[in-house]
């Protein structure tokens, strides 16, 4: 069982490393895509979910900053 756990940890570490690489190179595209998607949903729902969608945008930006290694993320 320990061997399985070690392999799982290695696999998760590899995924995190790849995600960090993508975010470092394309973080602006990630946040831009999420922002566009939430804008479309906001428009389609007539603004009924604006508050929740803004949280999604904010959390996406924080996650990109964290994964991208930004030690001083921009304030939301």
PDB file of N, CA and C in Angstrom:
ATOM      1  N   UNK A   1       0.827  -1.191   0.000  1.00  0.00           N
ATOM      2  CA  UNK A   1       0.000   0.000   0.000  1.00  0.00           C
ATOM      3  C   UNK A   1       0.871   1.255   0.000  1.00  0.00           C
ATOM      4  N   UNK A   2       1.975   1.207   0.708  1.00  0.00           N
ATOM      5  CA  UNK A   2       2.869   2.354   0.776  1.00  0.00           C
ATOM      6  C   UNK A   2       3.429   2.698  -0.602  1.00  0.00           C
ATOM      7  N   UNK A   3       3.722   1.686  -1.395  1.00  0.00           N
ATOM      8  CA  UNK A   3       4.226   1.912  -2.754  1.00  0.00           C
ATOM      9  C   UNK A   3       3.182   2.650  -3.590  1.00  0.00           C
ATOM     10  N   UNK A   4       1.921   2.269  -3.432  1.00  0.00           N
ATOM     11  CA  UNK A   4       0.837   2.922  -4.145  1.00  0.00           C
ATOM     12  C   UNK A   4       0.742   4.388  -3.750  1.00  0.00           C
ATOM     13  N   UNK A   5       0.823   4.662  -2.469  1.00  0.00           N
ATOM     14  CA  UNK A   5       0.738   6.039  -1.970  1.00  0.00           C
ATOM     15  C   UNK A   5       1.911   6.864  -2.487  1.00  0.00           C
ATOM     16  N   UNK A   6       3.096   6.301  -2.488  1.00  0.00           N
ATOM     17  CA  UNK A   6       4.265   7.011  -3.005  1.00  0.00           C
ATOM     18  C   UNK A   6       4.094   7.342  -4.491  1.00  0.00           C
ATOM     19  N   UNK A   7       3.583   6.391  -5.252  1.00  0.00           N
ATOM     20  CA  UNK A   7       3.354   6.629  -6.679  1.00  0.00           C
ATOM     21  C   UNK A   7       2.281   7.695  -6.889  1.00  0.00           C
ATOM     22  N   UNK A   8       1.249   7.665  -6.060  1.00  0.00           N
ATOM     23  CA  UNK A   8       0.182   8.662  -6.160  1.00  0.00           C
ATOM     24  C   UNK A   8       0.721  10.058  -5.839  1.00  0.00           C
ATOM     25  N   UNK A   9       1.545  10.152  -4.810  1.00  0.00           N
ATOM     26  CA  UNK A   9       2.144  11.439  -4.462  1.00  0.00           C
ATOM     27  C   UNK A   9       3.022  11.962  -5.595  1.00  0.00           C
ATOM     28  N   UNK A  10       3.795  11.071  -6.208  1.00  0.00           N
ATOM     29  CA  UNK A  10       4.635  11.464  -7.341  1.00  0.00           C
ATOM     30  C   UNK A  10       3.785  11.953  -8.511  1.00  0.00           C
ATOM     31  N   UNK A  11       2.698  11.249  -8.779  1.00  0.00           N
ATOM     32  CA  UNK A  11       1.817  11.628  -9.879  1.00  0.00           C
ATOM     33  C   UNK A  11       1.180  12.992  -9.625  1.00  0.00           C
ATOM     34  N   UNK A  12       0.722  13.225  -8.403  1.00  0.00           N
ATOM     35  CA  UNK A  12       0.127  14.512  -8.055  1.00  0.00           C
ATOM     36  C   UNK A  12       1.181  15.616  -8.172  1.00  0.00           C
ATOM     37  N   UNK A  13       2.382  15.334  -7.717  1.00  0.00           N
ATOM     38  CA  UNK A  13       3.468  16.310  -7.830  1.00  0.00           C
ATOM     39  C   UNK A  13       3.755  16.662  -9.278  1.00  0.00           C
ATOM     40  N   UNK A  14       3.730  15.664 -10.152  1.00  0.00           N
ATOM     41  CA  UNK A  14       3.949  15.916 -11.573  1.00  0.00           C
ATOM     42  C   UNK A  14       2.850  16.806 -12.159  1.00  0.00           C
ATOM     43  N   UNK A  15       1.608  16.538 -11.775  1.00  0.00           N
ATOM     44  CA  UNK A  15       0.482  17.342 -12.269  1.00  0.00           C
ATOM     45  C   UNK A  15       0.604  18.781 -11.783  1.00  0.00           C
ATOM     46  N   UNK A  16       0.960  18.951 -10.534  1.00  0.00           N
ATOM     47  CA  UNK A  16       1.120  20.303  -9.985  1.00  0.00           C
ATOM     48  C   UNK A  16       2.254  21.030 -10.713  1.00  0.00           C
ATOM     49  N   UNK A  17       3.343  20.345 -10.953  1.00  0.00           N
ATOM     50  CA  UNK A  17       4.465  20.955 -11.676  1.00  0.00           C
ATOM     51  C   UNK A  17       4.040  21.398 -13.070  1.00  0.00           C
ATOM     52  N   UNK A  18       3.300  20.552 -13.761  1.00  0.00           N
ATOM     53  CA  UNK A  18       2.833  20.901 -15.105  1.00  0.00           C
ATOM     54  C   UNK A  18       1.870  22.078 -15.057  1.00  0.00           C
ATOM     55  N   UNK A  19       0.974  22.083 -14.068  1.00  0.00           N
ATOM     56  CA  UNK A  19       0.031  23.198 -13.920  1.00  0.00           C
ATOM     57  C   UNK A  19       0.777  24.497 -13.656  1.00  0.00           C
ATOM     58  N   UNK A  20       1.809  24.435 -12.827  1.00  0.00           N
ATOM     59  CA  UNK A  20       2.603  25.632 -12.545  1.00  0.00           C
ATOM     60  C   UNK A  20       3.289  26.138 -13.806  1.00  0.00           C
ATOM     61  N   UNK A  21       3.810  25.230 -14.608  1.00  0.00           N
ATOM     62  CA  UNK A  21       4.455  25.634 -15.857  1.00  0.00           C
ATOM     63  C   UNK A  21       3.464  26.309 -16.793  1.00  0.00           C
ATOM     64  N   UNK A  22       2.279  25.732 -16.924  1.00  0.00           N
ATOM     65  CA  UNK A  22       1.263  26.313 -17.804  1.00  0.00           C
ATOM     66  C   UNK A  22       0.861  27.696 -17.300  1.00  0.00           C
ATOM     67  N   UNK A  23       0.635  27.807 -16.003  1.00  0.00           N
ATOM     68  CA  UNK A  23       0.201  29.075 -15.432  1.00  0.00           C
ATOM     69  C   UNK A  23       1.292  30.135 -15.565  1.00  0.00           C
ATOM     70  N   UNK A  24       2.539  29.742 -15.362  1.00  0.00           N
ATOM     71  CA  UNK A  24       3.635  30.710 -15.508  1.00  0.00           C
ATOM     72  C   UNK A  24       3.686  31.262 -16.922  1.00  0.00           C
ATOM     73  N   UNK A  25       3.437  30.390 -17.898  1.00  0.00           N
ATOM     74  CA  UNK A  25       3.511  30.805 -19.297  1.00  0.00           C
ATOM     75  C   UNK A  25       2.217  31.425 -19.816  1.00  0.00           C
ATOM     76  N   UNK A  26       1.078  31.003 -19.263  1.00  0.00           N
ATOM     77  CA  UNK A  26      -0.204  31.410 -19.839  1.00  0.00           C
ATOM     78  C   UNK A  26      -1.241  31.815 -18.799  1.00  0.00           C
ATOM     79  N   UNK A  27      -0.816  32.291 -17.655  1.00  0.00           N
ATOM     80  CA  UNK A  27      -1.744  32.666 -16.597  1.00  0.00           C
ATOM     81  C   UNK A  27      -2.747  33.711 -17.021  1.00  0.00           C
ATOM     82  N   UNK A  28      -2.288  34.660 -17.837  1.00  0.00           N
ATOM     83  CA  UNK A  28      -3.194  35.704 -18.308  1.00  0.00           C
ATOM     84  C   UNK A  28      -4.281  35.125 -19.202  1.00  0.00           C
ATOM     85  N   UNK A  29      -3.961  34.101 -19.958  1.00  0.00           N
ATOM     86  CA  UNK A  29      -4.962  33.459 -20.810  1.00  0.00           C
ATOM     87  C   UNK A  29      -5.968  32.679 -19.969  1.00  0.00           C
ATOM     88  N   UNK A  30      -5.489  32.056 -18.899  1.00  0.00           N
ATOM     89  CA  UNK A  30      -6.387  31.305 -18.017  1.00  0.00           C
ATOM     90  C   UNK A  30      -7.385  32.256 -17.367  1.00  0.00           C
ATOM     91  N   UNK A  31      -6.899  33.320 -16.772  1.00  0.00           N
ATOM     92  CA  UNK A  31      -7.804  34.254 -16.107  1.00  0.00           C
ATOM     93  C   UNK A  31      -8.715  34.942 -17.123  1.00  0.00           C
ATOM     94  N   UNK A  32      -8.185  35.238 -18.306  1.00  0.00           N
ATOM     95  CA  UNK A  32      -9.007  35.855 -19.343  1.00  0.00           C
ATOM     96  C   UNK A  32     -10.130  34.947 -19.804  1.00  0.00           C
ATOM     97  N   UNK A  33      -9.832  33.668 -19.974  1.00  0.00           N
ATOM     98  CA  UNK A  33     -10.847  32.712 -20.411  1.00  0.00           C
ATOM     99  C   UNK A  33     -11.941  32.549 -19.357  1.00  0.00           C
ATOM    100  N   UNK A  34     -11.535  32.464 -18.102  1.00  0.00           N
ATOM    101  CA  UNK A  34     -12.525  32.331 -17.031  1.00  0.00           C
ATOM    102  C   UNK A  34     -13.363  33.601 -16.944  1.00  0.00           C
ATOM    103  N   UNK A  35     -12.738  34.750 -17.083  1.00  0.00           N
ATOM    104  CA  UNK A  35     -13.458  36.016 -17.042  1.00  0.00           C
ATOM    105  C   UNK A  35     -14.489  36.096 -18.171  1.00  0.00           C
ATOM    106  N   UNK A  36     -14.093  35.697 -19.373  1.00  0.00           N
ATOM    107  CA  UNK A  36     -15.033  35.701 -20.499  1.00  0.00           C
ATOM    108  C   UNK A  36     -16.196  34.755 -20.241  1.00  0.00           C
ATOM    109  N   UNK A  37     -15.884  33.576 -19.722  1.00  0.00           N
ATOM    110  CA  UNK A  37     -16.935  32.586 -19.446  1.00  0.00           C
ATOM    111  C   UNK A  37     -17.913  33.099 -18.392  1.00  0.00           C
ATOM    112  N   UNK A  38     -17.387  33.699 -17.334  1.00  0.00           N
ATOM    113  CA  UNK A  38     -18.284  34.205 -16.295  1.00  0.00           C
ATOM    114  C   UNK A  38     -19.096  35.392 -16.804  1.00  0.00           C
ATOM    115  N   UNK A  39     -18.522  36.187 -17.700  1.00  0.00           N
ATOM    116  CA  UNK A  39     -19.280  37.292 -18.304  1.00  0.00           C
ATOM    117  C   UNK A  39     -20.450  36.764 -19.135  1.00  0.00           C
ATOM    118  N   UNK A  40     -20.218  35.702 -19.889  1.00  0.00           N
ATOM    119  CA  UNK A  40     -21.285  35.099 -20.697  1.00  0.00           C
ATOM    120  C   UNK A  40     -22.393  34.567 -19.791  1.00  0.00           C
ATOM    121  N   UNK A  41     -22.002  33.848 -18.744  1.00  0.00           N
ATOM    122  CA  UNK A  41     -22.997  33.310 -17.815  1.00  0.00           C
ATOM    123  C   UNK A  41     -23.759  34.448 -17.148  1.00  0.00           C
ATOM    124  N   UNK A  42     -23.068  35.481 -16.757  1.00  0.00           N
ATOM    125  CA  UNK A  42     -23.703  36.635 -16.121  1.00  0.00           C
ATOM    126  C   UNK A  42     -24.724  37.273 -17.063  1.00  0.00           C
ATOM    127  N   UNK A  43     -24.337  37.404 -18.319  1.00  0.00           N
ATOM    128  CA  UNK A  43     -25.230  37.979 -19.319  1.00  0.00           C
ATOM    129  C   UNK A  43     -26.458  37.095 -19.522  1.00  0.00           C
ATOM    130  N   UNK A  44     -26.243  35.790 -19.645  1.00  0.00           N
ATOM    131  CA  UNK A  44     -27.341  34.852 -19.896  1.00  0.00           C
ATOM    132  C   UNK A  44     -28.305  34.750 -18.711  1.00  0.00           C
ATOM    133  N   UNK A  45     -27.803  34.984 -17.502  1.00  0.00           N
ATOM    134  CA  UNK A  45     -28.659  34.888 -16.318  1.00  0.00           C
ATOM    135  C   UNK A  45     -29.211  36.248 -15.896  1.00  0.00           C
ATOM    136  N   UNK A  46     -28.939  37.248 -16.697  1.00  0.00           N
ATOM    137  CA  UNK A  46     -29.457  38.576 -16.383  1.00  0.00           C
ATOM    138  C   UNK A  46     -28.865  39.171 -15.121  1.00  0.00           C
ATOM    139  N   UNK A  47     -27.661  38.783 -14.800  1.00  0.00           N
ATOM    140  CA  UNK A  47     -26.975  39.344 -13.634  1.00  0.00           C
ATOM    141  C   UNK A  47     -27.381  38.718 -12.308  1.00  0.00           C
ATOM    142  N   UNK A  48     -28.196  37.676 -12.354  1.00  0.00           N
ATOM    143  CA  UNK A  48     -28.682  37.063 -11.115  1.00  0.00           C
ATOM    144  C   UNK A  48     -27.568  36.405 -10.308  1.00  0.00           C
ATOM    145  N   UNK A  49     -26.489  36.018 -10.966  1.00  0.00           N
ATOM    146  CA  UNK A  49     -25.402  35.314 -10.280  1.00  0.00           C
ATOM    147  C   UNK A  49     -24.119  36.147 -10.240  1.00  0.00           C
ATOM    148  N   UNK A  50     -24.245  37.436 -10.443  1.00  0.00           N
ATOM    149  CA  UNK A  50     -23.057  38.300 -10.538  1.00  0.00           C
ATOM    150  C   UNK A  50     -22.114  38.165  -9.355  1.00  0.00           C
ATOM    151  N   UNK A  51     -22.663  38.138  -8.167  1.00  0.00           N
ATOM    152  CA  UNK A  51     -21.836  38.064  -6.966  1.00  0.00           C
ATOM    153  C   UNK A  51     -21.030  36.753  -6.931  1.00  0.00           C
ATOM    154  N   UNK A  52     -21.677  35.666  -7.277  1.00  0.00           N
ATOM    155  CA  UNK A  52     -21.001  34.364  -7.274  1.00  0.00           C
ATOM    156  C   UNK A  52     -19.962  34.295  -8.388  1.00  0.00           C
ATOM    157  N   UNK A  53     -20.300  34.835  -9.530  1.00  0.00           N
ATOM    158  CA  UNK A  53     -19.372  34.807 -10.657  1.00  0.00           C
ATOM    159  C   UNK A  53     -18.142  35.665 -10.389  1.00  0.00           C
ATOM    160  N   UNK A  54     -18.323  36.770  -9.684  1.00  0.00           N
ATOM    161  CA  UNK A  54     -17.176  37.600  -9.315  1.00  0.00           C
ATOM    162  C   UNK A  54     -16.248  36.831  -8.379  1.00  0.00           C
ATOM    163  N   UNK A  55     -16.827  36.041  -7.494  1.00  0.00           N
ATOM    164  CA  UNK A  55     -16.015  35.204  -6.606  1.00  0.00           C
ATOM    165  C   UNK A  55     -15.197  34.201  -7.418  1.00  0.00           C
ATOM    166  N   UNK A  56     -15.817  33.637  -8.461  1.00  0.00           N
ATOM    167  CA  UNK A  56     -15.101  32.704  -9.327  1.00  0.00           C
ATOM    168  C   UNK A  56     -13.915  33.404  -9.980  1.00  0.00           C
ATOM    169  N   UNK A  57     -14.150  34.606 -10.500  1.00  0.00           N
ATOM    170  CA  UNK A  57     -13.060  35.377 -11.116  1.00  0.00           C
ATOM    171  C   UNK A  57     -11.944  35.648 -10.109  1.00  0.00           C
ATOM    172  N   UNK A  58     -12.324  36.064  -8.909  1.00  0.00           N
ATOM    173  CA  UNK A  58     -11.335  36.383  -7.873  1.00  0.00           C
ATOM    174  C   UNK A  58     -10.538  35.148  -7.454  1.00  0.00           C
ATOM    175  N   UNK A  59     -11.232  34.036  -7.260  1.00  0.00           N
ATOM    176  CA  UNK A  59     -10.549  32.805  -6.857  1.00  0.00           C
ATOM    177  C   UNK A  59      -9.638  32.283  -7.962  1.00  0.00           C
ATOM    178  N   UNK A  60     -10.056  32.455  -9.199  1.00  0.00           N
ATOM    179  CA  UNK A  60      -9.211  32.042 -10.322  1.00  0.00           C
ATOM    180  C   UNK A  60      -7.928  32.856 -10.340  1.00  0.00           C
ATOM    181  N   UNK A  61      -8.061  34.147 -10.150  1.00  0.00           N
ATOM    182  CA  UNK A  61      -6.876  35.009 -10.139  1.00  0.00           C
ATOM    183  C   UNK A  61      -5.935  34.636  -8.989  1.00  0.00           C
ATOM    184  N   UNK A  62      -6.497  34.363  -7.824  1.00  0.00           N
ATOM    185  CA  UNK A  62      -5.673  33.959  -6.679  1.00  0.00           C
ATOM    186  C   UNK A  62      -4.959  32.643  -6.952  1.00  0.00           C
ATOM    187  N   UNK A  63      -5.684  31.695  -7.547  1.00  0.00           N
ATOM    188  CA  UNK A  63      -5.085  30.397  -7.849  1.00  0.00           C
ATOM    189  C   UNK A  63      -3.972  30.534  -8.877  1.00  0.00           C
ATOM    190  N   UNK A  64      -4.195  31.349  -9.888  1.00  0.00           N
ATOM    191  CA  UNK A  64      -3.164  31.573 -10.905  1.00  0.00           C
ATOM    192  C   UNK A  64      -1.946  32.238 -10.275  1.00  0.00           C
ATOM    193  N   UNK A  65      -2.181  33.211  -9.417  1.00  0.00           N
ATOM    194  CA  UNK A  65      -1.064  33.873  -8.737  1.00  0.00           C
ATOM    195  C   UNK A  65      -0.284  32.877  -7.882  1.00  0.00           C
ATOM    196  N   UNK A  66      -1.010  32.018  -7.176  1.00  0.00           N
ATOM    197  CA  UNK A  66      -0.354  31.044  -6.304  1.00  0.00           C
ATOM    198  C   UNK A  66       0.430  30.009  -7.105  1.00  0.00           C
ATOM    199  N   UNK A  67      -0.196  29.454  -8.130  1.00  0.00           N
ATOM    200  CA  UNK A  67       0.474  28.446  -8.947  1.00  0.00           C
ATOM    201  C   UNK A  67       1.614  29.038  -9.763  1.00  0.00           C
ATOM    202  N   UNK A  68       1.448  30.283 -10.152  1.00  0.00           N
ATOM    203  CA  UNK A  68       2.463  30.932 -10.965  1.00  0.00           C
ATOM    204  C   UNK A  68       3.660  31.422 -10.172  1.00  0.00           C
ATOM    205  N   UNK A  69       3.572  31.300  -8.855  1.00  0.00           N
ATOM    206  CA  UNK A  69       4.696  31.698  -8.015  1.00  0.00           C
ATOM    207  C   UNK A  69       4.720  33.169  -7.692  1.00  0.00           C
ATOM    208  N   UNK A  70       3.604  33.850  -7.888  1.00  0.00           N
ATOM    209  CA  UNK A  70       3.529  35.286  -7.574  1.00  0.00           C
ATOM    210  C   UNK A  70       3.412  35.424  -6.071  1.00  0.00           C
ATOM    211  N   UNK A  71       4.483  35.880  -5.424  1.00  0.00           N
ATOM    212  CA  UNK A  71       4.483  35.999  -3.969  1.00  0.00           C
ATOM    213  C   UNK A  71       3.669  37.184  -3.470  1.00  0.00           C
ATOM    214  N   UNK A  72       3.407  38.140  -4.353  1.00  0.00           N
ATOM    215  CA  UNK A  72       2.653  39.321  -3.966  1.00  0.00           C
ATOM    216  C   UNK A  72       1.493  39.503  -4.941  1.00  0.00           C
ATOM    217  N   UNK A  73       0.435  38.677  -4.804  1.00  0.00           N
ATOM    218  CA  UNK A  73      -0.670  38.757  -5.746  1.00  0.00           C
ATOM    219  C   UNK A  73      -1.362  40.104  -5.703  1.00  0.00           C
ATOM    220  N   UNK A  74      -1.910  40.495  -6.838  1.00  0.00           N
ATOM    221  CA  UNK A  74      -2.616  41.760  -6.924  1.00  0.00           C
ATOM    222  C   UNK A  74      -3.859  41.694  -6.055  1.00  0.00           C
ATOM    223  N   UNK A  75      -4.204  42.797  -5.394  1.00  0.00           N
ATOM    224  CA  UNK A  75      -5.396  42.778  -4.569  1.00  0.00           C
ATOM    225  C   UNK A  75      -6.642  42.602  -5.425  1.00  0.00           C
ATOM    226  N   UNK A  76      -7.634  41.905  -4.882  1.00  0.00           N
ATOM    227  CA  UNK A  76      -8.873  41.642  -5.643  1.00  0.00           C
ATOM    228  C   UNK A  76      -9.782  42.838  -5.642  1.00  0.00           C
TER     229      UNK A  76
END
